[in-house]
Amino acid sequence: MLIIPLGLEQSRGDQILNAKAFQEKGYALTLEEENLNDQRLKELLDKLYENKDVIQKSMENSHQGNALQTLVHEINHSSYVT
């Protein structure tokens, strides 16, 4: 995936940190909003396509498990559920 987080002018920076975490794990590429232009977007989309097998393998090798099961578990065991 290609992540384009909101810049610090429009957010608290959490989108930037999340995008960085996904990129560091090899799941995505990040395009900073301030660097967004036609040429850079095309470059990164091409790079994603060229590296799709590597990215998919990184996600398959993740120790995160099944995201849906994790979310359901967290919701069911949350102190906010009444």
N, C-alpha and C. Protein backbone atom coordinates (compact mmCIF):
# COMPACT_ATOMS: atom_id res chain seq x y z
N MET A 1 0.83 -1.18 0.00
CA MET A 1 0.00 0.00 0.00
C MET A 1 0.87 1.24 0.00
N LEU A 2 0.31 2.30 -0.48
CA LEU A 2 0.97 3.60 -0.45
C LEU A 2 0.21 4.46 0.54
N ILE A 3 0.91 4.93 1.54
CA ILE A 3 0.28 5.74 2.58
C ILE A 3 0.68 7.19 2.38
N ILE A 4 -0.31 8.06 2.37
CA ILE A 4 -0.08 9.50 2.26
C ILE A 4 -0.69 10.15 3.51
N PRO A 5 0.10 10.24 4.59
CA PRO A 5 -0.45 10.79 5.83
C PRO A 5 -0.63 12.30 5.75
N LEU A 6 -1.58 12.79 6.52
CA LEU A 6 -1.75 14.24 6.66
C LEU A 6 -0.49 14.81 7.30
N GLY A 7 -0.13 16.00 6.91
CA GLY A 7 1.04 16.66 7.48
C GLY A 7 0.76 17.21 8.87
N LEU A 8 1.78 17.72 9.51
CA LEU A 8 1.65 18.24 10.87
C LEU A 8 0.73 19.46 10.95
N GLU A 9 0.55 20.13 9.83
CA GLU A 9 -0.33 21.30 9.83
C GLU A 9 -1.79 20.90 10.02
N GLN A 10 -2.14 19.66 9.64
CA GLN A 10 -3.52 19.21 9.69
C GLN A 10 -3.76 18.09 10.69
N SER A 11 -2.73 17.60 11.34
CA SER A 11 -2.90 16.49 12.26
C SER A 11 -1.93 16.61 13.42
N ARG A 12 -2.07 15.69 14.36
CA ARG A 12 -1.18 15.66 15.53
C ARG A 12 0.14 14.95 15.22
N GLY A 13 0.22 14.36 14.03
CA GLY A 13 1.43 13.63 13.67
C GLY A 13 1.29 12.13 13.81
N ASP A 14 0.16 11.66 14.32
CA ASP A 14 -0.02 10.22 14.51
C ASP A 14 -0.08 9.48 13.17
N GLN A 15 -0.63 10.10 12.14
CA GLN A 15 -0.66 9.45 10.83
C GLN A 15 0.76 9.27 10.28
N ILE A 16 1.60 10.24 10.52
CA ILE A 16 3.00 10.15 10.07
C ILE A 16 3.71 9.01 10.79
N LEU A 17 3.50 8.90 12.09
CA LEU A 17 4.13 7.83 12.87
C LEU A 17 3.62 6.46 12.44
N ASN A 18 2.31 6.35 12.21
CA ASN A 18 1.75 5.07 11.77
C ASN A 18 2.29 4.68 10.40
N ALA A 19 2.36 5.64 9.49
CA ALA A 19 2.89 5.37 8.15
C ALA A 19 4.34 4.90 8.24
N LYS A 20 5.12 5.55 9.09
CA LYS A 20 6.52 5.18 9.26
C LYS A 20 6.64 3.75 9.79
N ALA A 21 5.78 3.39 10.73
CA ALA A 21 5.81 2.03 11.29
C ALA A 21 5.49 0.99 10.23
N PHE A 22 4.49 1.25 9.39
CA PHE A 22 4.15 0.31 8.32
C PHE A 22 5.29 0.20 7.32
N GLN A 23 5.92 1.31 7.00
CA GLN A 23 7.03 1.29 6.05
C GLN A 23 8.22 0.54 6.63
N GLU A 24 8.55 0.78 7.89
CA GLU A 24 9.69 0.11 8.51
C GLU A 24 9.51 -1.40 8.55
N LYS A 25 8.26 -1.86 8.66
CA LYS A 25 7.99 -3.29 8.68
C LYS A 25 7.94 -3.89 7.28
N GLY A 26 8.03 -3.03 6.27
CA GLY A 26 8.04 -3.50 4.89
C GLY A 26 6.66 -3.73 4.31
N TYR A 27 5.63 -3.16 4.92
CA TYR A 27 4.25 -3.36 4.47
C TYR A 27 3.80 -2.29 3.50
N ALA A 28 4.49 -1.18 3.40
CA ALA A 28 3.99 -0.04 2.64
C ALA A 28 5.12 0.91 2.28
N LEU A 29 4.79 1.84 1.41
CA LEU A 29 5.65 2.99 1.15
C LEU A 29 4.89 4.22 1.61
N THR A 30 5.64 5.25 1.96
CA THR A 30 5.03 6.48 2.45
C THR A 30 5.38 7.64 1.53
N LEU A 31 4.40 8.43 1.24
CA LEU A 31 4.58 9.66 0.47
C LEU A 31 4.09 10.81 1.33
N GLU A 32 5.01 11.64 1.77
CA GLU A 32 4.64 12.77 2.62
C GLU A 32 3.78 13.74 1.81
N GLU A 33 2.76 14.25 2.46
CA GLU A 33 1.82 15.13 1.78
C GLU A 33 2.51 16.31 1.11
N GLU A 34 3.51 16.88 1.76
CA GLU A 34 4.20 18.04 1.19
C GLU A 34 5.03 17.68 -0.05
N ASN A 35 5.30 16.37 -0.26
CA ASN A 35 6.05 15.91 -1.42
C ASN A 35 5.15 15.31 -2.50
N LEU A 36 3.86 15.42 -2.31
CA LEU A 36 2.91 14.84 -3.24
C LEU A 36 2.83 15.65 -4.53
N ASN A 37 3.21 15.01 -5.62
CA ASN A 37 3.04 15.58 -6.95
C ASN A 37 2.90 14.41 -7.93
N ASP A 38 2.53 14.71 -9.16
CA ASP A 38 2.28 13.66 -10.14
C ASP A 38 3.48 12.73 -10.32
N GLN A 39 4.66 13.32 -10.45
CA GLN A 39 5.86 12.53 -10.71
C GLN A 39 6.19 11.61 -9.54
N ARG A 40 6.17 12.14 -8.32
CA ARG A 40 6.52 11.33 -7.15
C ARG A 40 5.48 10.23 -6.92
N LEU A 41 4.21 10.55 -7.13
CA LEU A 41 3.16 9.55 -6.98
C LEU A 41 3.39 8.40 -7.96
N LYS A 42 3.66 8.72 -9.21
CA LYS A 42 3.91 7.68 -10.22
C LYS A 42 5.14 6.86 -9.86
N GLU A 43 6.20 7.51 -9.42
CA GLU A 43 7.42 6.79 -9.03
C GLU A 43 7.14 5.76 -7.94
N LEU A 44 6.39 6.18 -6.92
CA LEU A 44 6.13 5.28 -5.81
C LEU A 44 5.15 4.18 -6.19
N LEU A 45 4.17 4.48 -7.03
CA LEU A 45 3.26 3.43 -7.49
C LEU A 45 4.02 2.40 -8.32
N ASP A 46 4.94 2.86 -9.16
CA ASP A 46 5.78 1.94 -9.93
C ASP A 46 6.63 1.08 -8.99
N LYS A 47 7.19 1.71 -7.98
CA LYS A 47 8.03 0.99 -7.01
C LYS A 47 7.21 -0.05 -6.25
N LEU A 48 5.98 0.31 -5.88
CA LEU A 48 5.11 -0.66 -5.22
C LEU A 48 4.86 -1.86 -6.11
N TYR A 49 4.55 -1.60 -7.37
CA TYR A 49 4.28 -2.68 -8.30
C TYR A 49 5.51 -3.58 -8.46
N GLU A 50 6.67 -2.98 -8.59
CA GLU A 50 7.91 -3.74 -8.76
C GLU A 50 8.23 -4.59 -7.53
N ASN A 51 7.83 -4.12 -6.35
CA ASN A 51 8.18 -4.79 -5.10
C ASN A 51 6.99 -5.47 -4.43
N LYS A 52 5.91 -5.68 -5.18
CA LYS A 52 4.70 -6.22 -4.57
C LYS A 52 4.93 -7.58 -3.92
N ASP A 53 5.75 -8.43 -4.53
CA ASP A 53 5.99 -9.74 -3.95
C ASP A 53 6.73 -9.64 -2.61
N VAL A 54 7.68 -8.75 -2.53
CA VAL A 54 8.44 -8.54 -1.29
C VAL A 54 7.52 -8.00 -0.20
N ILE A 55 6.67 -7.05 -0.55
CA ILE A 55 5.75 -6.45 0.42
C ILE A 55 4.75 -7.50 0.91
N GLN A 56 4.20 -8.27 -0.02
CA GLN A 56 3.25 -9.31 0.36
C GLN A 56 3.91 -10.34 1.28
N LYS A 57 5.14 -10.70 0.98
CA LYS A 57 5.86 -11.67 1.81
C LYS A 57 6.10 -11.10 3.22
N SER A 58 6.42 -9.81 3.30
CA SER A 58 6.61 -9.17 4.61
C SER A 58 5.34 -9.25 5.43
N MET A 59 4.21 -9.02 4.79
CA MET A 59 2.93 -9.07 5.49
C MET A 59 2.59 -10.51 5.90
N GLU A 60 2.87 -11.47 5.02
CA GLU A 60 2.61 -12.87 5.35
C GLU A 60 3.46 -13.33 6.52
N ASN A 61 4.68 -12.84 6.61
CA ASN A 61 5.60 -13.24 7.68
C ASN A 61 5.38 -12.47 8.97
N SER A 62 4.44 -11.58 8.98
CA SER A 62 4.15 -10.79 10.17
C SER A 62 3.69 -11.69 11.31
N HIS A 63 4.06 -11.34 12.48
CA HIS A 63 3.62 -12.07 13.66
C HIS A 63 2.39 -11.42 14.28
N GLN A 64 1.74 -10.55 13.51
CA GLN A 64 0.57 -9.84 14.02
C GLN A 64 -0.66 -10.74 14.10
N GLY A 65 -0.71 -11.78 13.31
CA GLY A 65 -1.86 -12.67 13.33
C GLY A 65 -3.03 -12.12 12.54
N ASN A 66 -4.17 -12.67 12.80
CA ASN A 66 -5.39 -12.29 12.11
C ASN A 66 -5.93 -11.01 12.71
N ALA A 67 -5.93 -9.93 11.95
CA ALA A 67 -6.35 -8.63 12.46
C ALA A 67 -7.79 -8.63 12.91
N LEU A 68 -8.67 -9.28 12.17
CA LEU A 68 -10.09 -9.31 12.53
C LEU A 68 -10.29 -10.02 13.86
N GLN A 69 -9.64 -11.15 14.05
CA GLN A 69 -9.76 -11.86 15.32
C GLN A 69 -9.21 -11.02 16.48
N THR A 70 -8.11 -10.33 16.24
CA THR A 70 -7.53 -9.47 17.27
C THR A 70 -8.49 -8.35 17.65
N LEU A 71 -9.10 -7.70 16.66
CA LEU A 71 -10.05 -6.62 16.93
C LEU A 71 -11.26 -7.12 17.70
N VAL A 72 -11.83 -8.23 17.27
CA VAL A 72 -13.00 -8.78 17.96
C VAL A 72 -12.65 -9.12 19.40
N HIS A 73 -11.50 -9.71 19.60
CA HIS A 73 -11.07 -10.03 20.96
C HIS A 73 -10.94 -8.77 21.81
N GLU A 74 -10.30 -7.75 21.26
CA GLU A 74 -10.11 -6.51 22.01
C GLU A 74 -11.46 -5.84 22.34
N ILE A 75 -12.36 -5.86 21.39
CA ILE A 75 -13.68 -5.26 21.63
C ILE A 75 -14.43 -6.04 22.71
N ASN A 76 -14.39 -7.35 22.63
CA ASN A 76 -15.11 -8.18 23.60
C ASN A 76 -14.53 -8.11 24.99
N HIS A 77 -13.27 -7.78 25.10
CA HIS A 77 -12.62 -7.73 26.40
C HIS A 77 -12.30 -6.31 26.86
N SER A 78 -12.88 -5.36 26.19
CA SER A 78 -12.65 -3.96 26.52
C SER A 78 -13.50 -3.56 27.73
N SER A 79 -12.95 -2.69 28.54
CA SER A 79 -13.71 -2.18 29.70
C SER A 79 -14.79 -1.20 29.27
N TYR A 80 -14.80 -0.80 28.00
CA TYR A 80 -15.79 0.14 27.50
C TYR A 80 -17.07 -0.55 27.05
N VAL A 81 -17.01 -1.88 26.86
CA VAL A 81 -18.18 -2.62 26.42
C VAL A 81 -19.10 -2.81 27.61
N THR A 82 -20.37 -2.47 27.43
CA THR A 82 -21.30 -2.63 28.55
C THR A 82 -22.28 -3.74 28.29
